[in-house]
């Protein structure tokens, strides 16, 4: 009887428990990977949205000051801060050109400020 119980435990219960635990672990790991992927997608969308807002703000400011042909030091400082944040998010080739043109606008006091 003792040998039968030992064989039953070693042959059935322990492998079943082990299989159950491995299955639970793999299921947990899969769920975590799916959560991580969802979080990464959400972060990418937030980054894209923020970059779009920064780009829109910079372009509005650029066209406004380009039309007048002037921008003071405070305007340029604000534009530079926007560009720094925008550039930190990546993919900024077109906005680099806009940034350079904006920084070369003459100052409202009639001086070129760099």
Protein backbone atom coordinates (compact mmCIF):
# COMPACT_ATOMS: atom_id res chain seq x y z
CA UNK A 1 0.00 0.00 0.00
CA UNK A 2 2.83 2.42 0.87
CA UNK A 3 4.59 1.59 -2.39
CA UNK A 4 1.38 2.19 -4.33
CA UNK A 5 0.92 5.60 -2.67
CA UNK A 6 4.52 6.56 -3.42
CA UNK A 7 4.17 5.50 -7.05
CA UNK A 8 0.89 7.42 -7.30
CA UNK A 9 2.50 10.58 -5.91
CA UNK A 10 5.62 10.33 -8.06
CA UNK A 11 3.81 9.23 -11.21
CA UNK A 12 0.66 11.35 -11.13
CA UNK A 13 0.35 14.07 -8.50
CA UNK A 14 3.83 15.63 -8.71
CA UNK A 15 3.93 15.78 -12.55
CA UNK A 16 0.39 17.18 -12.60
CA UNK A 17 1.27 19.84 -10.02
CA UNK A 18 4.47 20.68 -11.87
CA UNK A 19 2.61 20.99 -15.16
CA UNK A 20 0.00 23.21 -13.52
CA UNK A 21 2.66 25.51 -12.05
CA UNK A 22 4.56 25.75 -15.34
CA UNK A 23 1.29 26.51 -17.16
CA UNK A 24 0.41 29.24 -14.67
CA UNK A 25 3.86 30.76 -14.98
CA UNK A 26 3.74 30.77 -18.78
CA UNK A 27 0.25 32.26 -18.73
CA UNK A 28 1.39 35.00 -16.32
CA UNK A 29 4.44 35.72 -18.47
CA UNK A 30 2.32 35.97 -21.62
CA UNK A 31 -0.07 38.39 -19.92
CA UNK A 32 2.85 40.56 -18.73
CA UNK A 33 4.31 40.64 -22.24
CA UNK A 34 0.93 41.68 -23.66
CA UNK A 35 0.61 44.41 -21.00
CA UNK A 36 4.13 45.61 -21.75
CA UNK A 37 3.39 45.72 -25.48
CA UNK A 38 0.18 47.67 -24.83
CA UNK A 39 2.05 50.11 -22.58
CA UNK A 40 4.75 50.59 -25.22
CA UNK A 41 2.11 51.30 -27.88
CA UNK A 42 0.39 53.78 -25.57
CA UNK A 43 3.69 55.53 -24.82
CA UNK A 44 4.46 55.73 -28.54
CA UNK A 45 1.07 57.31 -29.23
CA UNK A 46 1.54 59.83 -26.43
CA UNK A 47 4.98 60.68 -27.81
CA UNK A 48 3.54 61.09 -31.31
CA UNK A 49 0.73 63.31 -30.00
CA UNK A 50 3.11 65.49 -28.03
CA UNK A 51 5.42 65.80 -31.03
CA UNK A 52 2.45 66.81 -33.21
CA UNK A 53 1.38 69.49 -30.72
CA UNK A 54 4.91 70.86 -30.48
CA UNK A 55 5.23 70.90 -34.27
CA UNK A 56 1.88 72.69 -34.65
CA UNK A 57 2.82 75.30 -32.06
CA UNK A 58 6.22 75.88 -33.65
CA UNK A 59 4.76 76.21 -37.13
CA UNK A 60 2.10 78.67 -35.96
CA UNK A 61 4.74 80.77 -34.24
CA UNK A 62 7.06 80.52 -37.24
CA UNK A 63 4.47 81.63 -39.79
CA UNK A 64 3.28 84.48 -37.56
CA UNK A 65 6.78 85.87 -37.12
CA UNK A 66 7.87 85.09 -40.68
CA UNK A 67 4.95 87.24 -41.94
CA UNK A 68 6.06 90.18 -39.80
CA UNK A 69 9.72 89.46 -40.49
CA UNK A 70 10.64 90.05 -36.85
CA UNK A 71 11.02 88.04 -33.63
CA UNK A 72 12.34 89.31 -30.31
CA UNK A 73 14.72 87.49 -27.99
CA UNK A 74 11.89 86.14 -25.81
CA UNK A 75 10.12 84.72 -28.86
CA UNK A 76 13.34 83.05 -29.98
CA UNK A 77 13.98 81.67 -26.51
CA UNK A 78 10.50 80.14 -26.38
CA UNK A 79 10.89 78.74 -29.88
CA UNK A 80 14.25 77.25 -28.93
CA UNK A 81 12.71 75.53 -25.89
CA UNK A 82 9.95 74.09 -28.08
CA UNK A 83 12.51 72.89 -30.63
CA UNK A 84 14.67 71.27 -27.94
CA UNK A 85 11.67 69.31 -26.64
CA UNK A 86 10.61 68.44 -30.20
CA UNK A 87 14.10 67.30 -31.19
CA UNK A 88 14.28 65.12 -28.08
CA UNK A 89 11.33 63.14 -29.40
CA UNK A 90 13.17 62.32 -32.65
CA UNK A 91 12.52 62.76 -36.39
CA UNK A 92 13.01 66.49 -36.71
CA UNK A 93 14.63 67.17 -40.10
CA UNK A 94 12.04 69.63 -41.43
CA UNK A 95 11.73 71.42 -38.12
CA UNK A 96 15.51 71.89 -37.95
CA UNK A 97 15.26 73.97 -41.12
CA UNK A 98 12.32 75.94 -39.71
CA UNK A 99 14.25 76.46 -36.46
CA UNK A 100 17.30 77.83 -38.29
CA UNK A 101 15.18 80.21 -40.37
CA UNK A 102 13.34 81.41 -37.26
CA UNK A 103 16.56 82.09 -35.39
CA UNK A 104 17.80 84.25 -38.28
CA UNK A 105 14.75 86.54 -38.15
CA UNK A 106 15.80 90.05 -37.13
CA UNK A 107 15.04 91.19 -33.62
CA UNK A 108 12.03 93.49 -33.13
CA UNK A 109 14.48 96.14 -31.96
CA UNK A 110 16.09 96.02 -35.38
CA UNK A 111 19.12 93.96 -34.31
CA UNK A 112 20.01 90.49 -35.54
CA UNK A 113 20.18 88.27 -32.46
CA UNK A 114 21.83 84.84 -32.45
